[in-house]
């Protein structure tokens, strides 16, 4: 009897592993491609999808979203999502790791004043209004690490007499230690940094020291090497006089909502 139980358990693990490692990625890849092409005005290419059913870890590699005329829109080298499987049993979503590597976004403001990324979305038929259902409580969300690594954004404007373009490179975003059910003991950390196309940079850091009261400490470093080209682009709408120059600064901040409430 014991031997039969062992064999059943073994075969169950083998079937589960085969389905997770082999079958699921094989089925998932064409399904994702079909859905994207059906629901949007774009094409998508995926180099590979892998899934570890025992670690509950999903990885997408070499994803490229392009317009129907093969112009680049969005791409990334890899997306890794690592979940704690047991957390689903307690109505929670526990993200051990969510890492997006080398994402690239190409924003184009066309001469007909349309934006390429917005044109990707297909117009939806008007749906019949449905009475709202009873709202359910949001699940508990725990995030150990959420990161964007080595991102890139380019912007091009063709509505002017001469093309204007600007870019942000080496973009990074980090969010750590979040628990929506235990804000008092979780010490969330957030950071955003990027190099600007003109040689400057921005680096924003923030740490939540507490939620009751809400207390945040952080710093902001900013440097722009060539103000003229970027501010000249916005001069008409801002009605500002722009001079060639450079700006840089460092500031630290402390925010306590109890202090703000006391002064109001």
C-alpha atoms as a PDB file:
ATOM      1  CA  UNK A   1       0.000   0.000   0.000  1.00  0.00           C
ATOM      2  CA  UNK A   2       2.798   2.377   0.944  1.00  0.00           C
ATOM      3  CA  UNK A   3       4.584   1.640  -2.336  1.00  0.00           C
ATOM      4  CA  UNK A   4       1.442   2.508  -4.294  1.00  0.00           C
ATOM      5  CA  UNK A   5       1.103   5.816  -2.473  1.00  0.00           C
ATOM      6  CA  UNK A   6       4.748   6.631  -3.212  1.00  0.00           C
ATOM      7  CA  UNK A   7       4.221   5.861  -6.899  1.00  0.00           C
ATOM      8  CA  UNK A   8       1.078   8.011  -7.028  1.00  0.00           C
ATOM      9  CA  UNK A   9       2.912  10.922  -5.418  1.00  0.00           C
ATOM     10  CA  UNK A  10       5.889  10.467  -7.762  1.00  0.00           C
ATOM     11  CA  UNK A  11       3.712  10.310 -10.884  1.00  0.00           C
ATOM     12  CA  UNK A  12       1.747  13.346  -9.703  1.00  0.00           C
ATOM     13  CA  UNK A  13       4.941  15.380  -9.337  1.00  0.00           C
ATOM     14  CA  UNK A  14       6.188  14.186 -12.724  1.00  0.00           C
ATOM     15  CA  UNK A  15       2.929  15.095 -14.463  1.00  0.00           C
ATOM     16  CA  UNK A  16       2.771  18.458 -12.668  1.00  0.00           C
ATOM     17  CA  UNK A  17       6.390  19.198 -13.579  1.00  0.00           C
ATOM     18  CA  UNK A  18       5.905  18.158 -17.201  1.00  0.00           C
ATOM     19  CA  UNK A  19       2.820  20.343 -17.515  1.00  0.00           C
ATOM     20  CA  UNK A  20       4.518  23.349 -15.875  1.00  0.00           C
ATOM     21  CA  UNK A  21       7.941  23.137 -17.522  1.00  0.00           C
ATOM     22  CA  UNK A  22       6.893  21.960 -21.002  1.00  0.00           C
ATOM     23  CA  UNK A  23       3.182  22.194 -21.772  1.00  0.00           C
ATOM     24  CA  UNK A  24       2.303  25.573 -20.219  1.00  0.00           C
ATOM     25  CA  UNK A  25       5.041  27.617 -21.979  1.00  0.00           C
ATOM     26  CA  UNK A  26       4.311  25.807 -25.245  1.00  0.00           C
ATOM     27  CA  UNK A  27       0.609  26.729 -25.017  1.00  0.00           C
ATOM     28  CA  UNK A  28       1.045  30.184 -23.477  1.00  0.00           C
ATOM     29  CA  UNK A  29       3.338  31.714 -26.112  1.00  0.00           C
ATOM     30  CA  UNK A  30       0.989  31.405 -29.139  1.00  0.00           C
ATOM     31  CA  UNK A  31      -1.971  32.422 -26.963  1.00  0.00           C
ATOM     32  CA  UNK A  32      -0.290  35.679 -25.912  1.00  0.00           C
ATOM     33  CA  UNK A  33       0.686  36.461 -29.516  1.00  0.00           C
ATOM     34  CA  UNK A  34      -2.855  35.769 -30.736  1.00  0.00           C
ATOM     35  CA  UNK A  35      -4.491  37.924 -28.051  1.00  0.00           C
ATOM     36  CA  UNK A  36      -2.178  40.892 -28.690  1.00  0.00           C
ATOM     37  CA  UNK A  37      -2.694  40.769 -32.444  1.00  0.00           C
ATOM     38  CA  UNK A  38      -6.453  40.402 -32.011  1.00  0.00           C
ATOM     39  CA  UNK A  39      -6.956  43.142 -29.423  1.00  0.00           C
ATOM     40  CA  UNK A  40      -4.459  45.734 -30.708  1.00  0.00           C
ATOM     41  CA  UNK A  41      -3.164  47.313 -33.896  1.00  0.00           C
ATOM     42  CA  UNK A  42       0.271  45.853 -33.390  1.00  0.00           C
ATOM     43  CA  UNK A  43       2.461  42.778 -33.690  1.00  0.00           C
ATOM     44  CA  UNK A  44       4.376  41.016 -30.959  1.00  0.00           C
ATOM     45  CA  UNK A  45       7.335  38.682 -31.018  1.00  0.00           C
ATOM     46  CA  UNK A  46       8.381  36.601 -28.014  1.00  0.00           C
ATOM     47  CA  UNK A  47      11.696  34.797 -28.000  1.00  0.00           C
ATOM     48  CA  UNK A  48      10.818  32.422 -25.175  1.00  0.00           C
ATOM     49  CA  UNK A  49       8.572  31.787 -22.176  1.00  0.00           C
ATOM     50  CA  UNK A  50       9.663  29.604 -19.279  1.00  0.00           C
ATOM     51  CA  UNK A  51       7.880  28.608 -16.096  1.00  0.00           C
ATOM     52  CA  UNK A  52       9.038  26.774 -12.981  1.00  0.00           C
ATOM     53  CA  UNK A  53       5.912  25.200 -11.428  1.00  0.00           C
ATOM     54  CA  UNK A  54       7.682  24.303  -8.193  1.00  0.00           C
ATOM     55  CA  UNK A  55       9.028  27.826  -7.571  1.00  0.00           C
ATOM     56  CA  UNK A  56       6.055  29.472  -9.315  1.00  0.00           C
ATOM     57  CA  UNK A  57       8.461  31.592 -11.351  1.00  0.00           C
ATOM     58  CA  UNK A  58       7.627  32.917 -14.828  1.00  0.00           C
ATOM     59  CA  UNK A  59      10.108  34.439 -17.281  1.00  0.00           C
ATOM     60  CA  UNK A  60       9.471  36.089 -20.643  1.00  0.00           C
ATOM     61  CA  UNK A  61      12.506  36.824 -22.822  1.00  0.00           C
ATOM     62  CA  UNK A  62      13.052  38.871 -25.964  1.00  0.00           C
ATOM     63  CA  UNK A  63       9.637  40.543 -26.197  1.00  0.00           C
ATOM     64  CA  UNK A  64       9.177  43.113 -29.001  1.00  0.00           C
ATOM     65  CA  UNK A  65       5.931  44.985 -29.677  1.00  0.00           C
ATOM     66  CA  UNK A  66       5.874  46.806 -33.019  1.00  0.00           C
ATOM     67  CA  UNK A  67       3.333  48.633 -35.154  1.00  0.00           C
ATOM     68  CA  UNK A  68       1.721  47.024 -38.180  1.00  0.00           C
ATOM     69  CA  UNK A  69       4.296  48.789 -40.355  1.00  0.00           C
ATOM     70  CA  UNK A  70       7.128  47.296 -38.265  1.00  0.00           C
ATOM     71  CA  UNK A  71       8.076  50.433 -36.349  1.00  0.00           C
ATOM     72  CA  UNK A  72       9.288  49.756 -32.777  1.00  0.00           C
ATOM     73  CA  UNK A  73       6.932  50.574 -29.932  1.00  0.00           C
ATOM     74  CA  UNK A  74       7.866  48.685 -26.764  1.00  0.00           C
ATOM     75  CA  UNK A  75      10.385  45.954 -26.063  1.00  0.00           C
ATOM     76  CA  UNK A  76      12.221  44.372 -23.161  1.00  0.00           C
ATOM     77  CA  UNK A  77      14.992  41.848 -22.700  1.00  0.00           C
ATOM     78  CA  UNK A  78      13.288  39.895 -19.916  1.00  0.00           C
ATOM     79  CA  UNK A  79      10.459  39.958 -17.401  1.00  0.00           C
ATOM     80  CA  UNK A  80      10.769  37.772 -14.300  1.00  0.00           C
ATOM     81  CA  UNK A  81       7.817  37.220 -11.962  1.00  0.00           C
ATOM     82  CA  UNK A  82       8.488  35.110  -8.854  1.00  0.00           C
ATOM     83  CA  UNK A  83       5.466  34.458  -6.607  1.00  0.00           C
ATOM     84  CA  UNK A  84       5.062  32.682  -3.298  1.00  0.00           C
ATOM     85  CA  UNK A  85       2.647  29.868  -4.082  1.00  0.00           C
ATOM     86  CA  UNK A  86       1.440  29.374  -0.505  1.00  0.00           C
ATOM     87  CA  UNK A  87       0.317  33.026  -0.285  1.00  0.00           C
ATOM     88  CA  UNK A  88      -2.578  32.284  -2.639  1.00  0.00           C
ATOM     89  CA  UNK A  89      -3.992  29.979   0.019  1.00  0.00           C
ATOM     90  CA  UNK A  90      -4.374  32.916   2.424  1.00  0.00           C
ATOM     91  CA  UNK A  91      -5.921  35.264  -0.194  1.00  0.00           C
ATOM     92  CA  UNK A  92      -2.687  37.177  -0.645  1.00  0.00           C
ATOM     93  CA  UNK A  93      -0.343  37.911  -3.508  1.00  0.00           C
ATOM     94  CA  UNK A  94       3.272  37.693  -2.361  1.00  0.00           C
ATOM     95  CA  UNK A  95       5.761  38.848  -4.992  1.00  0.00           C
ATOM     96  CA  UNK A  96       9.285  37.733  -4.162  1.00  0.00           C
ATOM     97  CA  UNK A  97      10.647  39.355  -7.308  1.00  0.00           C
ATOM     98  CA  UNK A  98       9.312  41.267 -10.265  1.00  0.00           C
ATOM     99  CA  UNK A  99      12.156  42.426 -12.510  1.00  0.00           C
ATOM    100  CA  UNK A 100      11.816  44.106 -15.901  1.00  0.00           C
ATOM    101  CA  UNK A 101      15.179  44.272 -17.696  1.00  0.00           C
ATOM    102  CA  UNK A 102      16.114  46.670 -20.484  1.00  0.00           C
ATOM    103  CA  UNK A 103      12.644  47.949 -21.373  1.00  0.00           C
ATOM    104  CA  UNK A 104      12.565  50.353 -24.327  1.00  0.00           C
ATOM    105  CA  UNK A 105       9.659  52.670 -25.121  1.00  0.00           C
ATOM    106  CA  UNK A 106       9.497  54.692 -28.330  1.00  0.00           C
ATOM    107  CA  UNK A 107       7.031  57.598 -28.210  1.00  0.00           C
ATOM    108  CA  UNK A 108       6.297  59.411 -31.484  1.00  0.00           C
ATOM    109  CA  UNK A 109       4.109  62.500 -31.851  1.00  0.00           C
ATOM    110  CA  UNK A 110       3.159  62.332 -35.515  1.00  0.00           C
ATOM    111  CA  UNK A 111       2.609  65.309 -37.805  1.00  0.00           C
ATOM    112  CA  UNK A 112      -1.158  64.605 -37.716  1.00  0.00           C
ATOM    113  CA  UNK A 113      -0.990  65.085 -33.920  1.00  0.00           C
ATOM    114  CA  UNK A 114      -1.543  61.428 -33.090  1.00  0.00           C
ATOM    115  CA  UNK A 115       0.643  59.475 -30.685  1.00  0.00           C
ATOM    116  CA  UNK A 116       1.928  56.124 -31.877  1.00  0.00           C
ATOM    117  CA  UNK A 117       1.291  54.243 -28.618  1.00  0.00           C
ATOM    118  CA  UNK A 118      -2.325  55.417 -28.413  1.00  0.00           C
ATOM    119  CA  UNK A 119      -2.956  54.322 -31.990  1.00  0.00           C
ATOM    120  CA  UNK A 120      -2.147  50.757 -30.949  1.00  0.00           C
ATOM    121  CA  UNK A 121      -5.375  50.439 -28.988  1.00  0.00           C
ATOM    122  CA  UNK A 122      -8.399  49.325 -30.966  1.00  0.00           C
ATOM    123  CA  UNK A 123     -11.638  51.209 -30.504  1.00  0.00           C
ATOM    124  CA  UNK A 124     -14.071  49.239 -28.396  1.00  0.00           C
ATOM    125  CA  UNK A 125     -17.737  48.969 -29.238  1.00  0.00           C
ATOM    126  CA  UNK A 126     -19.988  50.692 -26.752  1.00  0.00           C
ATOM    127  CA  UNK A 127     -21.116  48.141 -24.220  1.00  0.00           C
ATOM    128  CA  UNK A 128     -24.440  48.029 -22.465  1.00  0.00           C
ATOM    129  CA  UNK A 129     -24.250  49.469 -18.976  1.00  0.00           C
ATOM    130  CA  UNK A 130     -24.252  46.790 -16.315  1.00  0.00           C
ATOM    131  CA  UNK A 131     -25.306  47.405 -12.759  1.00  0.00           C
ATOM    132  CA  UNK A 132     -22.260  47.335 -10.497  1.00  0.00           C
ATOM    133  CA  UNK A 133     -21.808  44.220  -8.442  1.00  0.00           C
ATOM    134  CA  UNK A 134     -20.985  44.178  -4.782  1.00  0.00           C
ATOM    135  CA  UNK A 135     -17.400  45.160  -4.220  1.00  0.00           C
ATOM    136  CA  UNK A 136     -15.059  42.606  -2.744  1.00  0.00           C
ATOM    137  CA  UNK A 137     -12.147  43.291  -0.458  1.00  0.00           C
ATOM    138  CA  UNK A 138      -8.814  43.764  -2.201  1.00  0.00           C
ATOM    139  CA  UNK A 139      -6.309  40.955  -1.585  1.00  0.00           C
ATOM    140  CA  UNK A 140      -3.299  41.459   0.610  1.00  0.00           C
ATOM    141  CA  UNK A 141      -0.269  42.375  -1.518  1.00  0.00           C
ATOM    142  CA  UNK A 142       3.292  41.782  -0.348  1.00  0.00           C
ATOM    143  CA  UNK A 143       6.194  42.983  -2.487  1.00  0.00           C
ATOM    144  CA  UNK A 144       9.748  42.039  -1.576  1.00  0.00           C
ATOM    145  CA  UNK A 145      11.374  43.508  -4.700  1.00  0.00           C
ATOM    146  CA  UNK A 146      10.030  45.258  -7.783  1.00  0.00           C
ATOM    147  CA  UNK A 147      12.653  46.579 -10.201  1.00  0.00           C
ATOM    148  CA  UNK A 148      13.058  48.159 -13.611  1.00  0.00           C
ATOM    149  CA  UNK A 149      16.655  47.817 -14.822  1.00  0.00           C
ATOM    150  CA  UNK A 150      18.409  49.757 -17.593  1.00  0.00           C
ATOM    151  CA  UNK A 151      15.288  51.233 -19.176  1.00  0.00           C
ATOM    152  CA  UNK A 152      15.191  53.590 -22.149  1.00  0.00           C
ATOM    153  CA  UNK A 153      12.567  56.057 -23.413  1.00  0.00           C
ATOM    154  CA  UNK A 154      12.829  58.044 -26.629  1.00  0.00           C
ATOM    155  CA  UNK A 155      10.502  60.853 -27.725  1.00  0.00           C
ATOM    156  CA  UNK A 156      10.121  62.301 -31.219  1.00  0.00           C
ATOM    157  CA  UNK A 157       7.883  65.186 -32.289  1.00  0.00           C
ATOM    158  CA  UNK A 158       7.138  65.704 -35.983  1.00  0.00           C
ATOM    159  CA  UNK A 159       4.517  68.437 -35.548  1.00  0.00           C
ATOM    160  CA  UNK A 160       7.100  71.238 -35.638  1.00  0.00           C
ATOM    161  CA  UNK A 161       8.958  72.728 -38.578  1.00  0.00           C
ATOM    162  CA  UNK A 162      12.010  70.728 -37.563  1.00  0.00           C
ATOM    163  CA  UNK A 163      11.917  67.399 -35.737  1.00  0.00           C
ATOM    164  CA  UNK A 164      12.452  67.511 -31.972  1.00  0.00           C
ATOM    165  CA  UNK A 165      13.733  64.452 -30.129  1.00  0.00           C
ATOM    166  CA  UNK A 166      14.870  63.660 -26.622  1.00  0.00           C
ATOM    167  CA  UNK A 167      15.708  60.495 -24.703  1.00  0.00           C
ATOM    168  CA  UNK A 168      16.115  59.076 -21.218  1.00  0.00           C
ATOM    169  CA  UNK A 169      18.561  56.226 -20.679  1.00  0.00           C
ATOM    170  CA  UNK A 170      19.784  54.003 -17.867  1.00  0.00           C
ATOM    171  CA  UNK A 171      16.340  54.268 -16.253  1.00  0.00           C
ATOM    172  CA  UNK A 172      15.963  52.417 -12.999  1.00  0.00           C
ATOM    173  CA  UNK A 173      13.106  51.953 -10.565  1.00  0.00           C
ATOM    174  CA  UNK A 174      13.169  50.074  -7.266  1.00  0.00           C
ATOM    175  CA  UNK A 175      10.366  49.359  -4.803  1.00  0.00           C
ATOM    176  CA  UNK A 176      11.044  47.115  -1.816  1.00  0.00           C
ATOM    177  CA  UNK A 177       9.371  45.819   1.337  1.00  0.00           C
ATOM    178  CA  UNK A 178       5.659  46.563   0.879  1.00  0.00           C
ATOM    179  CA  UNK A 179       2.860  44.835   2.792  1.00  0.00           C
ATOM    180  CA  UNK A 180      -0.631  46.307   2.375  1.00  0.00           C
ATOM    181  CA  UNK A 181      -1.830  44.578   5.567  1.00  0.00           C
ATOM    182  CA  UNK A 182       1.116  45.589   7.736  1.00  0.00           C
ATOM    183  CA  UNK A 183       2.152  49.116   6.816  1.00  0.00           C
ATOM    184  CA  UNK A 184       3.356  49.908  10.328  1.00  0.00           C
ATOM    185  CA  UNK A 185       6.217  47.405  10.374  1.00  0.00           C
ATOM    186  CA  UNK A 186       7.083  47.349   6.647  1.00  0.00           C
ATOM    187  CA  UNK A 187       9.739  49.933   5.732  1.00  0.00           C
ATOM    188  CA  UNK A 188       9.095  50.592   2.069  1.00  0.00           C
ATOM    189  CA  UNK A 189      11.957  51.924  -0.045  1.00  0.00           C
ATOM    190  CA  UNK A 190      11.545  53.591  -3.423  1.00  0.00           C
ATOM    191  CA  UNK A 191      14.113  54.848  -5.902  1.00  0.00           C
ATOM    192  CA  UNK A 192      13.912  56.262  -9.414  1.00  0.00           C
ATOM    193  CA  UNK A 193      16.953  57.292 -11.419  1.00  0.00           C
ATOM    194  CA  UNK A 194      17.740  58.080 -15.032  1.00  0.00           C
ATOM    195  CA  UNK A 195      20.326  59.664 -17.293  1.00  0.00           C
ATOM    196  CA  UNK A 196      18.969  62.403 -19.532  1.00  0.00           C
ATOM    197  CA  UNK A 197      19.746  62.618 -23.223  1.00  0.00           C
ATOM    198  CA  UNK A 198      21.592  65.898 -22.717  1.00  0.00           C
ATOM    199  CA  UNK A 199      24.126  64.361 -20.327  1.00  0.00           C
ATOM    200  CA  UNK A 200      22.249  65.212 -17.134  1.00  0.00           C
ATOM    201  CA  UNK A 201      20.626  62.894 -14.606  1.00  0.00           C
ATOM    202  CA  UNK A 202      17.886  62.598 -11.991  1.00  0.00           C
ATOM    203  CA  UNK A 203      18.049  60.420  -8.849  1.00  0.00           C
ATOM    204  CA  UNK A 204      15.074  60.297  -6.478  1.00  0.00           C
ATOM    205  CA  UNK A 205      15.234  58.236  -3.265  1.00  0.00           C
ATOM    206  CA  UNK A 206      12.513  57.787  -0.678  1.00  0.00           C
ATOM    207  CA  UNK A 207      12.086  55.655   2.442  1.00  0.00           C
ATOM    208  CA  UNK A 208       8.845  55.314   4.377  1.00  0.00           C
ATOM    209  CA  UNK A 209       9.695  55.332   8.057  1.00  0.00           C
ATOM    210  CA  UNK A 210       6.122  54.743   9.223  1.00  0.00           C
ATOM    211  CA  UNK A 211       2.482  54.885   8.214  1.00  0.00           C
ATOM    212  CA  UNK A 212       0.806  55.882  11.494  1.00  0.00           C
ATOM    213  CA  UNK A 213       1.815  58.671  11.335  1.00  0.00           C
ATOM    214  CA  UNK A 214       2.945  58.740   7.710  1.00  0.00           C
ATOM    215  CA  UNK A 215       6.640  59.690   7.767  1.00  0.00           C
ATOM    216  CA  UNK A 216       8.899  59.788   4.702  1.00  0.00           C
ATOM    217  CA  UNK A 217      12.567  60.679   4.326  1.00  0.00           C
ATOM    218  CA  UNK A 218      14.386  61.016   1.028  1.00  0.00           C
ATOM    219  CA  UNK A 219      16.524  63.004  -1.358  1.00  0.00           C
ATOM    220  CA  UNK A 220      16.489  64.316  -4.914  1.00  0.00           C
ATOM    221  CA  UNK A 221      19.536  64.925  -7.105  1.00  0.00           C
ATOM    222  CA  UNK A 222      19.054  66.594 -10.474  1.00  0.00           C
ATOM    223  CA  UNK A 223      21.340  67.911 -13.171  1.00  0.00           C
ATOM    224  CA  UNK A 224      20.485  69.140 -16.674  1.00  0.00           C
ATOM    225  CA  UNK A 225      23.440  69.987 -18.884  1.00  0.00           C
ATOM    226  CA  UNK A 226      21.555  71.722 -21.702  1.00  0.00           C
ATOM    227  CA  UNK A 227      18.437  73.533 -20.626  1.00  0.00           C
ATOM    228  CA  UNK A 228      17.954  75.451 -23.848  1.00  0.00           C
ATOM    229  CA  UNK A 229      16.851  72.692 -26.212  1.00  0.00           C
ATOM    230  CA  UNK A 230      14.294  71.138 -23.845  1.00  0.00           C
ATOM    231  CA  UNK A 231      12.828  74.347 -22.441  1.00  0.00           C
ATOM    232  CA  UNK A 232      12.756  75.949 -25.866  1.00  0.00           C
ATOM    233  CA  UNK A 233      10.480  73.107 -26.928  1.00  0.00           C
ATOM    234  CA  UNK A 234       7.962  74.065 -24.189  1.00  0.00           C
ATOM    235  CA  UNK A 235       8.380  77.825 -24.472  1.00  0.00           C
ATOM    236  CA  UNK A 236       5.212  78.473 -26.457  1.00  0.00           C
ATOM    237  CA  UNK A 237       2.950  76.711 -23.954  1.00  0.00           C
ATOM    238  CA  UNK A 238       4.749  78.005 -20.845  1.00  0.00           C
ATOM    239  CA  UNK A 239       5.337  81.526 -22.174  1.00  0.00           C
ATOM    240  CA  UNK A 240       8.815  81.668 -20.684  1.00  0.00           C
ATOM    241  CA  UNK A 241      11.980  83.329 -21.841  1.00  0.00           C
ATOM    242  CA  UNK A 242      14.654  80.635 -22.199  1.00  0.00           C
ATOM    243  CA  UNK A 243      18.368  81.211 -21.892  1.00  0.00           C
ATOM    244  CA  UNK A 244      21.094  78.710 -22.559  1.00  0.00           C
ATOM    245  CA  UNK A 245      22.494  77.273 -19.352  1.00  0.00           C
ATOM    246  CA  UNK A 246      22.825  74.431 -16.904  1.00  0.00           C
ATOM    247  CA  UNK A 247      21.124  73.566 -13.646  1.00  0.00           C
ATOM    248  CA  UNK A 248      21.900  71.099 -10.876  1.00  0.00           C
ATOM    249  CA  UNK A 249      20.791  70.698  -7.284  1.00  0.00           C
ATOM    250  CA  UNK A 250      20.593  68.311  -4.338  1.00  0.00           C
ATOM    251  CA  UNK A 251      17.845  68.423  -1.749  1.00  0.00           C
ATOM    252  CA  UNK A 252      16.789  66.255   1.169  1.00  0.00           C
ATOM    253  CA  UNK A 253      13.288  66.153   2.585  1.00  0.00           C
ATOM    254  CA  UNK A 254      11.358  64.900   5.602  1.00  0.00           C
ATOM    255  CA  UNK A 255       7.569  64.612   5.514  1.00  0.00           C
ATOM    256  CA  UNK A 256       5.396  63.959   8.556  1.00  0.00           C
ATOM    257  CA  UNK A 257       1.641  64.176   7.957  1.00  0.00           C
ATOM    258  CA  UNK A 258       0.980  64.765  11.652  1.00  0.00           C
ATOM    259  CA  UNK A 259       3.029  67.951  11.393  1.00  0.00           C
ATOM    260  CA  UNK A 260       1.037  69.048   8.347  1.00  0.00           C
ATOM    261  CA  UNK A 261      -2.304  68.362  10.050  1.00  0.00           C
ATOM    262  CA  UNK A 262      -1.204  70.328  13.104  1.00  0.00           C
ATOM    263  CA  UNK A 263      -0.579  73.449  11.007  1.00  0.00           C
ATOM    264  CA  UNK A 264      -3.920  73.345   9.118  1.00  0.00           C
END
